[in-house]
Amino acid sequence: MSIYDIPLKTIEYKDTTLKEYRNRYMLIVNVASKCGFTKQYEGLEKLYKKYKDRNFVVLGFPCNQFASQEPGSESDIISFCKINYDVTFPMFSKIYVNGDNTHQLYKYLKSEKSGLLGTQMIKWNFTKFLVSDKGQVIKRFAPFTTPEKIDEYLTKEIFK
């Protein structure tokens, strides 16, 4: 099974997969509304707008596993994102990124790119995975890596 075949739900609870993002670079991020890194939504939206016409997309996956930083419903989440950060990039329903209920997408991402010292565990919200236009996980960014730093990487390595 490829990354494109993994079953997902949009933030509106519609069944989907990542097939519509085939041939695009994807930045997959576990997000939260009440996190110290929440302000990264602004930078993620800027990245999305800057590169969306160059086959790039940011995909947000809300997660409530870290200090209950995403306690609201999906409608609360999308409302928060629109009102506070004018988010237009695709958002998905809440998922688990660690533990027994880890979503299949995050099992896949973590198995392809481990974190610091080889750990697969997601340490916090706003961990980011860059997936190539061919579906390969090419980079994992820590939560403290800002979208601006990712922009530098994209400019140097992807969109030269």
Foldseek 3Di string as FASTA:
>chain_A
DAQQPFWFAFLVRHIHGCVVLALAKEKEFAAFCQDPLNVLLQLQQVVCVVCVVVSYAYEYAYELPPVRRHVDRSVVVVVSCCVPRVHDTTYGGHADLDDPRHGPSNVVQLVQDPDPPRHSGQDDGGWIWIAHSNRHTDDIHHNPCGSVNVVVVCVPPPVD
